[in-house]
mmCIF file of all heavy atoms, coordinates in Angstrom:
data_MODEL
# 
_entry.id   MODEL 
# 
loop_
_atom_site.group_PDB 
_atom_site.id 
_atom_site.type_symbol 
_atom_site.label_atom_id 
_atom_site.label_alt_id 
_atom_site.label_comp_id 
_atom_site.label_asym_id 
_atom_site.label_entity_id 
_atom_site.label_seq_id 
_atom_site.pdbx_PDB_ins_code 
_atom_site.Cartn_x 
_atom_site.Cartn_y 
_atom_site.Cartn_z 
_atom_site.occupancy 
_atom_site.B_iso_or_equiv 
_atom_site.pdbx_formal_charge 
_atom_site.auth_seq_id 
_atom_site.auth_comp_id 
_atom_site.auth_asym_id 
_atom_site.auth_atom_id 
_atom_site.pdbx_PDB_model_num 
ATOM 1   N N   . ALA A 1 1  ? 0.833   -1.208  0.000   1.00 0.00 ? 1  ALA A N   1 
ATOM 2   C CA  . ALA A 1 1  ? 0.000   0.000   0.000   1.00 0.00 ? 1  ALA A CA  1 
ATOM 3   C C   . ALA A 1 1  ? 0.865   1.254   0.000   1.00 0.00 ? 1  ALA A C   1 
ATOM 4   O O   . ALA A 1 1  ? 0.585   2.218   -0.724  1.00 0.00 ? 1  ALA A O   1 
ATOM 5   C CB  . ALA A 1 1  ? -0.930  -0.008  1.208   1.00 0.00 ? 1  ALA A CB  1 
ATOM 6   N N   . GLU A 1 2  ? 1.936   1.260   0.790   1.00 0.00 ? 2  GLU A N   1 
ATOM 7   C CA  . GLU A 1 2  ? 2.842   2.409   0.831   1.00 0.00 ? 2  GLU A CA  1 
ATOM 8   C C   . GLU A 1 2  ? 3.554   2.604   -0.499  1.00 0.00 ? 2  GLU A C   1 
ATOM 9   O O   . GLU A 1 2  ? 3.795   3.735   -0.921  1.00 0.00 ? 2  GLU A O   1 
ATOM 10  C CB  . GLU A 1 2  ? 3.872   2.233   1.946   1.00 0.00 ? 2  GLU A CB  1 
ATOM 11  C CG  . GLU A 1 2  ? 3.311   2.426   3.332   1.00 0.00 ? 2  GLU A CG  1 
ATOM 12  C CD  . GLU A 1 2  ? 4.348   2.155   4.413   1.00 0.00 ? 2  GLU A CD  1 
ATOM 13  O OE1 . GLU A 1 2  ? 5.563   2.321   4.162   1.00 0.00 ? 2  GLU A OE1 1 
ATOM 14  O OE2 . GLU A 1 2  ? 3.929   1.781   5.525   1.00 0.00 ? 2  GLU A OE2 1 
ATOM 15  N N   . ALA A 1 3  ? 3.897   1.516   -1.159  1.00 0.00 ? 3  ALA A N   1 
ATOM 16  C CA  . ALA A 1 3  ? 4.598   1.598   -2.443  1.00 0.00 ? 3  ALA A CA  1 
ATOM 17  C C   . ALA A 1 3  ? 3.692   2.088   -3.568  1.00 0.00 ? 3  ALA A C   1 
ATOM 18  O O   . ALA A 1 3  ? 4.177   2.632   -4.570  1.00 0.00 ? 3  ALA A O   1 
ATOM 19  C CB  . ALA A 1 3  ? 5.182   0.234   -2.804  1.00 0.00 ? 3  ALA A CB  1 
ATOM 20  N N   . HIS A 1 4  ? 2.374   1.901   -3.436  1.00 0.00 ? 4  HIS A N   1 
ATOM 21  C CA  . HIS A 1 4  ? 1.401   2.276   -4.475  1.00 0.00 ? 4  HIS A CA  1 
ATOM 22  C C   . HIS A 1 4  ? 0.232   3.015   -3.831  1.00 0.00 ? 4  HIS A C   1 
ATOM 23  O O   . HIS A 1 4  ? -0.902  2.510   -3.814  1.00 0.00 ? 4  HIS A O   1 
ATOM 24  C CB  . HIS A 1 4  ? 0.900   1.039   -5.214  1.00 0.00 ? 4  HIS A CB  1 
ATOM 25  C CG  . HIS A 1 4  ? 1.982   0.230   -5.836  1.00 0.00 ? 4  HIS A CG  1 
ATOM 26  N ND1 . HIS A 1 4  ? 2.579   0.572   -7.022  1.00 0.00 ? 4  HIS A ND1 1 
ATOM 27  C CD2 . HIS A 1 4  ? 2.603   -0.902  -5.409  1.00 0.00 ? 4  HIS A CD2 1 
ATOM 28  C CE1 . HIS A 1 4  ? 3.514   -0.319  -7.321  1.00 0.00 ? 4  HIS A CE1 1 
ATOM 29  N NE2 . HIS A 1 4  ? 3.556   -1.214  -6.354  1.00 0.00 ? 4  HIS A NE2 1 
ATOM 30  N N   . PRO A 1 5  ? 0.461   4.232   -3.327  1.00 0.00 ? 5  PRO A N   1 
ATOM 31  C CA  . PRO A 1 5  ? -0.578  4.910   -2.539  1.00 0.00 ? 5  PRO A CA  1 
ATOM 32  C C   . PRO A 1 5  ? -1.821  5.324   -3.323  1.00 0.00 ? 5  PRO A C   1 
ATOM 33  O O   . PRO A 1 5  ? -2.876  5.521   -2.725  1.00 0.00 ? 5  PRO A O   1 
ATOM 34  C CB  . PRO A 1 5  ? 0.152   6.141   -1.986  1.00 0.00 ? 5  PRO A CB  1 
ATOM 35  C CG  . PRO A 1 5  ? 1.270   6.377   -2.945  1.00 0.00 ? 5  PRO A CG  1 
ATOM 36  C CD  . PRO A 1 5  ? 1.685   5.024   -3.427  1.00 0.00 ? 5  PRO A CD  1 
ATOM 37  N N   . ASN A 1 6  ? -1.735  5.410   -4.635  1.00 0.00 ? 6  ASN A N   1 
ATOM 38  C CA  . ASN A 1 6  ? -2.890  5.876   -5.425  1.00 0.00 ? 6  ASN A CA  1 
ATOM 39  C C   . ASN A 1 6  ? -3.622  4.755   -6.151  1.00 0.00 ? 6  ASN A C   1 
ATOM 40  O O   . ASN A 1 6  ? -4.527  5.017   -6.933  1.00 0.00 ? 6  ASN A O   1 
ATOM 41  C CB  . ASN A 1 6  ? -2.441  6.933   -6.422  1.00 0.00 ? 6  ASN A CB  1 
ATOM 42  C CG  . ASN A 1 6  ? -1.906  8.158   -5.713  1.00 0.00 ? 6  ASN A CG  1 
ATOM 43  O OD1 . ASN A 1 6  ? -2.476  8.590   -4.710  1.00 0.00 ? 6  ASN A OD1 1 
ATOM 44  N ND2 . ASN A 1 6  ? -0.812  8.702   -6.208  1.00 0.00 ? 6  ASN A ND2 1 
ATOM 45  N N   . ARG A 1 7  ? -3.246  3.522   -5.905  1.00 0.00 ? 7  ARG A N   1 
ATOM 46  C CA  . ARG A 1 7  ? -3.887  2.404   -6.582  1.00 0.00 ? 7  ARG A CA  1 
ATOM 47  C C   . ARG A 1 7  ? -5.283  2.165   -6.023  1.00 0.00 ? 7  ARG A C   1 
ATOM 48  O O   . ARG A 1 7  ? -5.496  2.237   -4.817  1.00 0.00 ? 7  ARG A O   1 
ATOM 49  C CB  . ARG A 1 7  ? -3.046  1.142   -6.392  1.00 0.00 ? 7  ARG A CB  1 
ATOM 50  C CG  . ARG A 1 7  ? -3.146  0.178   -7.577  1.00 0.00 ? 7  ARG A CG  1 
ATOM 51  C CD  . ARG A 1 7  ? -2.472  -1.144  -7.281  1.00 0.00 ? 7  ARG A CD  1 
ATOM 52  N NE  . ARG A 1 7  ? -1.167  -1.253  -7.866  1.00 0.00 ? 7  ARG A NE  1 
ATOM 53  C CZ  . ARG A 1 7  ? -0.452  -2.390  -7.838  1.00 0.00 ? 7  ARG A CZ  1 
ATOM 54  N NH1 . ARG A 1 7  ? -0.918  -3.470  -7.230  1.00 0.00 ? 7  ARG A NH1 1 
ATOM 55  N NH2 . ARG A 1 7  ? 0.730   -2.438  -8.382  1.00 0.00 ? 7  ARG A NH2 1 
ATOM 56  N N   . ASP A 1 8  ? -6.254  1.909   -6.914  1.00 0.00 ? 8  ASP A N   1 
ATOM 57  C CA  . ASP A 1 8  ? -7.601  1.506   -6.503  1.00 0.00 ? 8  ASP A CA  1 
ATOM 58  C C   . ASP A 1 8  ? -7.567  -0.018  -6.373  1.00 0.00 ? 8  ASP A C   1 
ATOM 59  O O   . ASP A 1 8  ? -7.637  -0.728  -7.366  1.00 0.00 ? 8  ASP A O   1 
ATOM 60  C CB  . ASP A 1 8  ? -8.633  1.956   -7.539  1.00 0.00 ? 8  ASP A CB  1 
ATOM 61  C CG  . ASP A 1 8  ? -10.048 1.605   -7.146  1.00 0.00 ? 8  ASP A CG  1 
ATOM 62  O OD1 . ASP A 1 8  ? -10.318 1.401   -5.946  1.00 0.00 ? 8  ASP A OD1 1 
ATOM 63  O OD2 . ASP A 1 8  ? -10.903 1.532   -8.055  1.00 0.00 ? 8  ASP A OD2 1 
ATOM 64  N N   . TRP A 1 9  ? -7.431  -0.497  -5.156  1.00 0.00 ? 9  TRP A N   1 
ATOM 65  C CA  . TRP A 1 9  ? -7.181  -1.917  -4.906  1.00 0.00 ? 9  TRP A CA  1 
ATOM 66  C C   . TRP A 1 9  ? -8.404  -2.775  -5.198  1.00 0.00 ? 9  TRP A C   1 
ATOM 67  O O   . TRP A 1 9  ? -9.480  -2.531  -4.682  1.00 0.00 ? 9  TRP A O   1 
ATOM 68  C CB  . TRP A 1 9  ? -6.739  -2.122  -3.456  1.00 0.00 ? 9  TRP A CB  1 
ATOM 69  C CG  . TRP A 1 9  ? -5.455  -1.418  -3.163  1.00 0.00 ? 9  TRP A CG  1 
ATOM 70  C CD1 . TRP A 1 9  ? -5.316  -0.242  -2.491  1.00 0.00 ? 9  TRP A CD1 1 
ATOM 71  C CD2 . TRP A 1 9  ? -4.152  -1.826  -3.548  1.00 0.00 ? 9  TRP A CD2 1 
ATOM 72  N NE1 . TRP A 1 9  ? -3.981  0.109   -2.440  1.00 0.00 ? 9  TRP A NE1 1 
ATOM 73  C CE2 . TRP A 1 9  ? -3.252  -0.856  -3.086  1.00 0.00 ? 9  TRP A CE2 1 
ATOM 74  C CE3 . TRP A 1 9  ? -3.645  -2.919  -4.251  1.00 0.00 ? 9  TRP A CE3 1 
ATOM 75  C CZ2 . TRP A 1 9  ? -1.873  -0.941  -3.291  1.00 0.00 ? 9  TRP A CZ2 1 
ATOM 76  C CZ3 . TRP A 1 9  ? -2.275  -3.003  -4.467  1.00 0.00 ? 9  TRP A CZ3 1 
ATOM 77  C CH2 . TRP A 1 9  ? -1.408  -2.031  -3.990  1.00 0.00 ? 9  TRP A CH2 1 
ATOM 78  N N   . ILE A 1 10 ? -8.199  -3.787  -6.026  1.00 0.00 ? 10 ILE A N   1 
ATOM 79  C CA  . ILE A 1 10 ? -9.199  -4.818  -6.292  1.00 0.00 ? 10 ILE A CA  1 
ATOM 80  C C   . ILE A 1 10 ? -8.583  -6.107  -5.770  1.00 0.00 ? 10 ILE A C   1 
ATOM 81  O O   . ILE A 1 10 ? -7.591  -6.593  -6.316  1.00 0.00 ? 10 ILE A O   1 
ATOM 82  C CB  . ILE A 1 10 ? -9.551  -4.901  -7.788  1.00 0.00 ? 10 ILE A CB  1 
ATOM 83  C CG1 . ILE A 1 10 ? -10.161 -3.566  -8.230  1.00 0.00 ? 10 ILE A CG1 1 
ATOM 84  C CG2 . ILE A 1 10 ? -10.484 -6.071  -8.066  1.00 0.00 ? 10 ILE A CG2 1 
ATOM 85  C CD1 . ILE A 1 10 ? -10.418 -3.454  -9.715  1.00 0.00 ? 10 ILE A CD1 1 
ATOM 86  N N   . LEU A 1 11 ? -9.173  -6.627  -4.697  1.00 0.00 ? 11 LEU A N   1 
ATOM 87  C CA  . LEU A 1 11 ? -8.563  -7.730  -3.971  1.00 0.00 ? 11 LEU A CA  1 
ATOM 88  C C   . LEU A 1 11 ? -9.475  -8.957  -3.886  1.00 0.00 ? 11 LEU A C   1 
ATOM 89  O O   . LEU A 1 11 ? -10.699 -8.843  -3.903  1.00 0.00 ? 11 LEU A O   1 
ATOM 90  C CB  . LEU A 1 11 ? -8.230  -7.289  -2.533  1.00 0.00 ? 11 LEU A CB  1 
ATOM 91  C CG  . LEU A 1 11 ? -7.341  -6.062  -2.357  1.00 0.00 ? 11 LEU A CG  1 
ATOM 92  C CD1 . LEU A 1 11 ? -7.152  -5.758  -0.873  1.00 0.00 ? 11 LEU A CD1 1 
ATOM 93  C CD2 . LEU A 1 11 ? -6.005  -6.222  -3.051  1.00 0.00 ? 11 LEU A CD2 1 
ATOM 94  N N   . THR A 1 12 ? -8.846  -10.110 -3.799  1.00 0.00 ? 12 THR A N   1 
ATOM 95  C CA  . THR A 1 12 ? -9.402  -11.394 -3.375  1.00 0.00 ? 12 THR A CA  1 
ATOM 96  C C   . THR A 1 12 ? -10.340 -12.055 -4.390  1.00 0.00 ? 12 THR A C   1 
ATOM 97  O O   . THR A 1 12 ? -10.098 -13.168 -4.813  1.00 0.00 ? 12 THR A O   1 
ATOM 98  C CB  . THR A 1 12 ? -10.085 -11.273 -1.994  1.00 0.00 ? 12 THR A CB  1 
ATOM 99  O OG1 . THR A 1 12 ? -9.150  -10.693 -1.076  1.00 0.00 ? 12 THR A OG1 1 
ATOM 100 C CG2 . THR A 1 12 ? -10.543 -12.602 -1.458  1.00 0.00 ? 12 THR A CG2 1 
ATOM 101 N N   . ARG A 1 13 ? -11.432 -11.410 -4.760  1.00 0.00 ? 13 ARG A N   1 
ATOM 102 C CA  . ARG A 1 13 ? -12.417 -11.980 -5.693  1.00 0.00 ? 13 ARG A CA  1 
ATOM 103 C C   . ARG A 1 13 ? -13.090 -10.841 -6.452  1.00 0.00 ? 13 ARG A C   1 
ATOM 104 O O   . ARG A 1 13 ? -13.163 -9.712  -5.979  1.00 0.00 ? 13 ARG A O   1 
ATOM 105 C CB  . ARG A 1 13 ? -13.531 -12.751 -4.974  1.00 0.00 ? 13 ARG A CB  1 
ATOM 106 C CG  . ARG A 1 13 ? -13.090 -13.831 -4.022  1.00 0.00 ? 13 ARG A CG  1 
ATOM 107 C CD  . ARG A 1 13 ? -12.713 -15.120 -4.740  1.00 0.00 ? 13 ARG A CD  1 
ATOM 108 N NE  . ARG A 1 13 ? -12.433 -16.190 -3.798  1.00 0.00 ? 13 ARG A NE  1 
ATOM 109 C CZ  . ARG A 1 13 ? -11.275 -16.372 -3.168  1.00 0.00 ? 13 ARG A CZ  1 
ATOM 110 N NH1 . ARG A 1 13 ? -10.272 -15.532 -3.351  1.00 0.00 ? 13 ARG A NH1 1 
ATOM 111 N NH2 . ARG A 1 13 ? -11.102 -17.397 -2.355  1.00 0.00 ? 13 ARG A NH2 1 
ATOM 112 N N   . ILE A 1 14 ? -13.647 -11.207 -7.631  1.00 0.00 ? 14 ILE A N   1 
ATOM 113 C CA  . ILE A 1 14 ? -14.453 -10.282 -8.437  1.00 0.00 ? 14 ILE A CA  1 
ATOM 114 C C   . ILE A 1 14 ? -15.743 -10.984 -8.826  1.00 0.00 ? 14 ILE A C   1 
ATOM 115 O O   . ILE A 1 14 ? -15.713 -12.127 -9.307  1.00 0.00 ? 14 ILE A O   1 
ATOM 116 C CB  . ILE A 1 14 ? -13.718 -9.843  -9.724  1.00 0.00 ? 14 ILE A CB  1 
ATOM 117 C CG1 . ILE A 1 14 ? -12.486 -8.990  -9.398  1.00 0.00 ? 14 ILE A CG1 1 
ATOM 118 C CG2 . ILE A 1 14 ? -14.661 -9.104  -10.672 1.00 0.00 ? 14 ILE A CG2 1 
ATOM 119 C CD1 . ILE A 1 14 ? -11.608 -8.688  -10.607 1.00 0.00 ? 14 ILE A CD1 1 
ATOM 120 N N   . LEU A 1 15 ? -16.861 -10.287 -8.648  1.00 0.00 ? 15 LEU A N   1 
ATOM 121 C CA  . LEU A 1 15 ? -18.139 -10.678 -9.235  1.00 0.00 ? 15 LEU A CA  1 
ATOM 122 C C   . LEU A 1 15 ? -18.446 -9.583  -10.259 1.00 0.00 ? 15 LEU A C   1 
ATOM 123 O O   . LEU A 1 15 ? -18.764 -8.449  -9.903  1.00 0.00 ? 15 LEU A O   1 
ATOM 124 C CB  . LEU A 1 15 ? -19.233 -10.761 -8.160  1.00 0.00 ? 15 LEU A CB  1 
ATOM 125 C CG  . LEU A 1 15 ? -18.997 -11.801 -7.064  1.00 0.00 ? 15 LEU A CG  1 
ATOM 126 C CD1 . LEU A 1 15 ? -20.011 -11.630 -5.934  1.00 0.00 ? 15 LEU A CD1 1 
ATOM 127 C CD2 . LEU A 1 15 ? -19.040 -13.213 -7.634  1.00 0.00 ? 15 LEU A CD2 1 
ATOM 128 N N   . TRP A 1 16 ? -18.288 -9.915  -11.550 1.00 0.00 ? 16 TRP A N   1 
ATOM 129 C CA  . TRP A 1 16 ? -18.421 -8.936  -12.636 1.00 0.00 ? 16 TRP A CA  1 
ATOM 130 C C   . TRP A 1 16 ? -19.885 -8.855  -13.041 1.00 0.00 ? 16 TRP A C   1 
ATOM 131 O O   . TRP A 1 16 ? -20.517 -9.877  -13.325 1.00 0.00 ? 16 TRP A O   1 
ATOM 132 C CB  . TRP A 1 16 ? -17.561 -9.360  -13.806 1.00 0.00 ? 16 TRP A CB  1 
ATOM 133 C CG  . TRP A 1 16 ? -17.312 -8.333  -14.866 1.00 0.00 ? 16 TRP A CG  1 
ATOM 134 C CD1 . TRP A 1 16 ? -17.844 -7.092  -14.986 1.00 0.00 ? 16 TRP A CD1 1 
ATOM 135 C CD2 . TRP A 1 16 ? -16.420 -8.492  -15.970 1.00 0.00 ? 16 TRP A CD2 1 
ATOM 136 N NE1 . TRP A 1 16 ? -17.353 -6.453  -16.092 1.00 0.00 ? 16 TRP A NE1 1 
ATOM 137 C CE2 . TRP A 1 16 ? -16.464 -7.302  -16.711 1.00 0.00 ? 16 TRP A CE2 1 
ATOM 138 C CE3 . TRP A 1 16 ? -15.598 -9.531  -16.413 1.00 0.00 ? 16 TRP A CE3 1 
ATOM 139 C CZ2 . TRP A 1 16 ? -15.721 -7.114  -17.876 1.00 0.00 ? 16 TRP A CZ2 1 
ATOM 140 C CZ3 . TRP A 1 16 ? -14.850 -9.340  -17.557 1.00 0.00 ? 16 TRP A CZ3 1 
ATOM 141 C CH2 . TRP A 1 16 ? -14.908 -8.149  -18.282 1.00 0.00 ? 16 TRP A CH2 1 
ATOM 142 N N   . LEU A 1 17 ? -20.422 -7.639  -13.064 1.00 0.00 ? 17 LEU A N   1 
ATOM 143 C CA  . LEU A 1 17 ? -21.838 -7.430  -13.326 1.00 0.00 ? 17 LEU A CA  1 
ATOM 144 C C   . LEU A 1 17 ? -22.110 -7.052  -14.777 1.00 0.00 ? 17 LEU A C   1 
ATOM 145 O O   . LEU A 1 17 ? -21.341 -6.318  -15.393 1.00 0.00 ? 17 LEU A O   1 
ATOM 146 C CB  . LEU A 1 17 ? -22.396 -6.334  -12.414 1.00 0.00 ? 17 LEU A CB  1 
ATOM 147 C CG  . LEU A 1 17 ? -22.250 -6.573  -10.918 1.00 0.00 ? 17 LEU A CG  1 
ATOM 148 C CD1 . LEU A 1 17 ? -22.870 -5.415  -10.143 1.00 0.00 ? 17 LEU A CD1 1 
ATOM 149 C CD2 . LEU A 1 17 ? -22.860 -7.898  -10.496 1.00 0.00 ? 17 LEU A CD2 1 
ATOM 150 N N   . THR A 1 18 ? -23.249 -7.529  -15.274 1.00 0.00 ? 18 THR A N   1 
ATOM 151 C CA  . THR A 1 18 ? -23.770 -7.144  -16.584 1.00 0.00 ? 18 THR A CA  1 
ATOM 152 C C   . THR A 1 18 ? -25.171 -6.590  -16.383 1.00 0.00 ? 18 THR A C   1 
ATOM 153 O O   . THR A 1 18 ? -25.998 -7.229  -15.727 1.00 0.00 ? 18 THR A O   1 
ATOM 154 C CB  . THR A 1 18 ? -23.833 -8.360  -17.540 1.00 0.00 ? 18 THR A CB  1 
ATOM 155 O OG1 . THR A 1 18 ? -22.496 -8.814  -17.793 1.00 0.00 ? 18 THR A OG1 1 
ATOM 156 C CG2 . THR A 1 18 ? -24.509 -8.015  -18.848 1.00 0.00 ? 18 THR A CG2 1 
ATOM 157 N N   . GLY A 1 19 ? -25.420 -5.407  -16.934 1.00 0.00 ? 19 GLY A N   1 
ATOM 158 C CA  . GLY A 1 19 ? -26.746 -4.806  -16.847 1.00 0.00 ? 19 GLY A CA  1 
ATOM 159 C C   . GLY A 1 19 ? -27.760 -5.567  -17.691 1.00 0.00 ? 19 GLY A C   1 
ATOM 160 O O   . GLY A 1 19 ? -27.407 -6.153  -18.714 1.00 0.00 ? 19 GLY A O   1 
ATOM 161 N N   . CYS A 1 20 ? -29.006 -5.536  -17.265 1.00 0.00 ? 20 CYS A N   1 
ATOM 162 C CA  . CYS A 1 20 ? -30.084 -6.262  -17.943 1.00 0.00 ? 20 CYS A CA  1 
ATOM 163 C C   . CYS A 1 20 ? -31.099 -5.335  -18.602 1.00 0.00 ? 20 CYS A C   1 
ATOM 164 O O   . CYS A 1 20 ? -32.069 -5.819  -19.189 1.00 0.00 ? 20 CYS A O   1 
ATOM 165 C CB  . CYS A 1 20 ? -30.817 -7.156  -16.947 1.00 0.00 ? 20 CYS A CB  1 
ATOM 166 S SG  . CYS A 1 20 ? -29.793 -8.437  -16.221 1.00 0.00 ? 20 CYS A SG  1 
ATOM 167 N N   . GLU A 1 21 ? -30.901 -4.016  -18.503 1.00 0.00 ? 21 GLU A N   1 
ATOM 168 C CA  . GLU A 1 21 ? -31.890 -3.066  -18.989 1.00 0.00 ? 21 GLU A CA  1 
ATOM 169 C C   . GLU A 1 21 ? -31.316 -2.263  -20.158 1.00 0.00 ? 21 GLU A C   1 
ATOM 170 O O   . GLU A 1 21 ? -30.596 -1.279  -19.947 1.00 0.00 ? 21 GLU A O   1 
ATOM 171 C CB  . GLU A 1 21 ? -32.322 -2.148  -17.844 1.00 0.00 ? 21 GLU A CB  1 
ATOM 172 C CG  . GLU A 1 21 ? -32.934 -2.921  -16.689 1.00 0.00 ? 21 GLU A CG  1 
ATOM 173 C CD  . GLU A 1 21 ? -33.225 -2.036  -15.490 1.00 0.00 ? 21 GLU A CD  1 
ATOM 174 O OE1 . GLU A 1 21 ? -34.101 -1.154  -15.616 1.00 0.00 ? 21 GLU A OE1 1 
ATOM 175 O OE2 . GLU A 1 21 ? -32.571 -2.228  -14.448 1.00 0.00 ? 21 GLU A OE2 1 
ATOM 176 N N   . PRO A 1 22 ? -31.639 -2.680  -21.405 1.00 0.00 ? 22 PRO A N   1 
ATOM 177 C CA  . PRO A 1 22 ? -31.102 -1.991  -22.582 1.00 0.00 ? 22 PRO A CA  1 
ATOM 178 C C   . PRO A 1 22 ? -31.399 -0.491  -22.544 1.00 0.00 ? 22 PRO A C   1 
ATOM 179 O O   . PRO A 1 22 ? -32.505 -0.061  -22.231 1.00 0.00 ? 22 PRO A O   1 
ATOM 180 C CB  . PRO A 1 22 ? -31.819 -2.668  -23.754 1.00 0.00 ? 22 PRO A CB  1 
ATOM 181 C CG  . PRO A 1 22 ? -32.158 -4.034  -23.236 1.00 0.00 ? 22 PRO A CG  1 
ATOM 182 C CD  . PRO A 1 22 ? -32.484 -3.823  -21.779 1.00 0.00 ? 22 PRO A CD  1 
ATOM 183 N N   . GLY A 1 23 ? -30.350 0.292   -22.838 1.00 0.00 ? 23 GLY A N   1 
ATOM 184 C CA  . GLY A 1 23 ? -30.481 1.741   -22.858 1.00 0.00 ? 23 GLY A CA  1 
ATOM 185 C C   . GLY A 1 23 ? -30.377 2.393   -21.497 1.00 0.00 ? 23 GLY A C   1 
ATOM 186 O O   . GLY A 1 23 ? -30.287 3.616   -21.390 1.00 0.00 ? 23 GLY A O   1 
ATOM 187 N N   . PHE A 1 24 ? -30.385 1.573   -20.436 1.00 0.00 ? 24 PHE A N   1 
ATOM 188 C CA  . PHE A 1 24 ? -30.260 2.123   -19.079 1.00 0.00 ? 24 PHE A CA  1 
ATOM 189 C C   . PHE A 1 24 ? -28.940 1.698   -18.441 1.00 0.00 ? 24 PHE A C   1 
ATOM 190 O O   . PHE A 1 24 ? -28.154 2.541   -18.027 1.00 0.00 ? 24 PHE A O   1 
ATOM 191 C CB  . PHE A 1 24 ? -31.444 1.707   -18.213 1.00 0.00 ? 24 PHE A CB  1 
ATOM 192 C CG  . PHE A 1 24 ? -31.412 2.294   -16.821 1.00 0.00 ? 24 PHE A CG  1 
ATOM 193 C CD1 . PHE A 1 24 ? -31.530 3.662   -16.633 1.00 0.00 ? 24 PHE A CD1 1 
ATOM 194 C CD2 . PHE A 1 24 ? -31.236 1.483   -15.714 1.00 0.00 ? 24 PHE A CD2 1 
ATOM 195 C CE1 . PHE A 1 24 ? -31.467 4.217   -15.351 1.00 0.00 ? 24 PHE A CE1 1 
ATOM 196 C CE2 . PHE A 1 24 ? -31.181 2.018   -14.435 1.00 0.00 ? 24 PHE A CE2 1 
ATOM 197 C CZ  . PHE A 1 24 ? -31.301 3.390   -14.254 1.00 0.00 ? 24 PHE A CZ  1 
ATOM 198 N N   . ASN A 1 25 ? -28.701 0.379   -18.356 1.00 0.00 ? 25 ASN A N   1 
ATOM 199 C CA  . ASN A 1 25 ? -27.433 -0.107  -17.813 1.00 0.00 ? 25 ASN A CA  1 
ATOM 200 C C   . ASN A 1 25 ? -26.799 -1.177  -18.711 1.00 0.00 ? 25 ASN A C   1 
ATOM 201 O O   . ASN A 1 25 ? -25.881 -1.875  -18.315 1.00 0.00 ? 25 ASN A O   1 
ATOM 202 C CB  . ASN A 1 25 ? -27.592 -0.622  -16.375 1.00 0.00 ? 25 ASN A CB  1 
ATOM 203 C CG  . ASN A 1 25 ? -28.590 -1.750  -16.255 1.00 0.00 ? 25 ASN A CG  1 
ATOM 204 O OD1 . ASN A 1 25 ? -28.855 -2.485  -17.208 1.00 0.00 ? 25 ASN A OD1 1 
ATOM 205 N ND2 . ASN A 1 25 ? -29.162 -1.910  -15.065 1.00 0.00 ? 25 ASN A ND2 1 
ATOM 206 N N   . HIS A 1 26 ? -27.311 -1.268  -19.934 1.00 0.00 ? 26 HIS A N   1 
ATOM 207 C CA  . HIS A 1 26 ? -26.803 -2.218  -20.925 1.00 0.00 ? 26 HIS A CA  1 
ATOM 208 C C   . HIS A 1 26 ? -26.799 -1.542  -22.292 1.00 0.00 ? 26 HIS A C   1 
ATOM 209 O O   . HIS A 1 26 ? -27.817 -0.963  -22.694 1.00 0.00 ? 26 HIS A O   1 
ATOM 210 C CB  . HIS A 1 26 ? -27.686 -3.473  -20.954 1.00 0.00 ? 26 HIS A CB  1 
ATOM 211 C CG  . HIS A 1 26 ? -27.185 -4.534  -21.873 1.00 0.00 ? 26 HIS A CG  1 
ATOM 212 N ND1 . HIS A 1 26 ? -26.185 -5.403  -21.508 1.00 0.00 ? 26 HIS A ND1 1 
ATOM 213 C CD2 . HIS A 1 26 ? -27.519 -4.846  -23.140 1.00 0.00 ? 26 HIS A CD2 1 
ATOM 214 C CE1 . HIS A 1 26 ? -25.948 -6.221  -22.523 1.00 0.00 ? 26 HIS A CE1 1 
ATOM 215 N NE2 . HIS A 1 26 ? -26.739 -5.906  -23.516 1.00 0.00 ? 26 HIS A NE2 1 
ATOM 216 N N   . GLY A 1 27 ? -25.651 -1.589  -22.967 1.00 0.00 ? 27 GLY A N   1 
ATOM 217 C CA  . GLY A 1 27 ? -25.554 -0.996  -24.294 1.00 0.00 ? 27 GLY A CA  1 
ATOM 218 C C   . GLY A 1 27 ? -25.403 0.515   -24.241 1.00 0.00 ? 27 GLY A C   1 
ATOM 219 O O   . GLY A 1 27 ? -24.680 1.043   -23.399 1.00 0.00 ? 27 GLY A O   1 
ATOM 220 N N   . VAL A 1 28 ? -26.086 1.193   -25.152 1.00 0.00 ? 28 VAL A N   1 
ATOM 221 C CA  . VAL A 1 28 ? -26.039 2.656   -25.211 1.00 0.00 ? 28 VAL A CA  1 
ATOM 222 C C   . VAL A 1 28 ? -27.432 3.215   -24.974 1.00 0.00 ? 28 VAL A C   1 
ATOM 223 O O   . VAL A 1 28 ? -28.433 2.550   -25.227 1.00 0.00 ? 28 VAL A O   1 
ATOM 224 C CB  . VAL A 1 28 ? -25.483 3.171   -26.568 1.00 0.00 ? 28 VAL A CB  1 
ATOM 225 C CG1 . VAL A 1 28 ? -24.031 2.736   -26.770 1.00 0.00 ? 28 VAL A CG1 1 
ATOM 226 C CG2 . VAL A 1 28 ? -26.334 2.693   -27.725 1.00 0.00 ? 28 VAL A CG2 1 
# 
């Protein structure tokens, strides 16, 4: 952490989300 003070830490696990509402949180 001291060596990389500005890193946005992503640790341990990821659950990657996909939006289900076209035009709202999916696509354009």
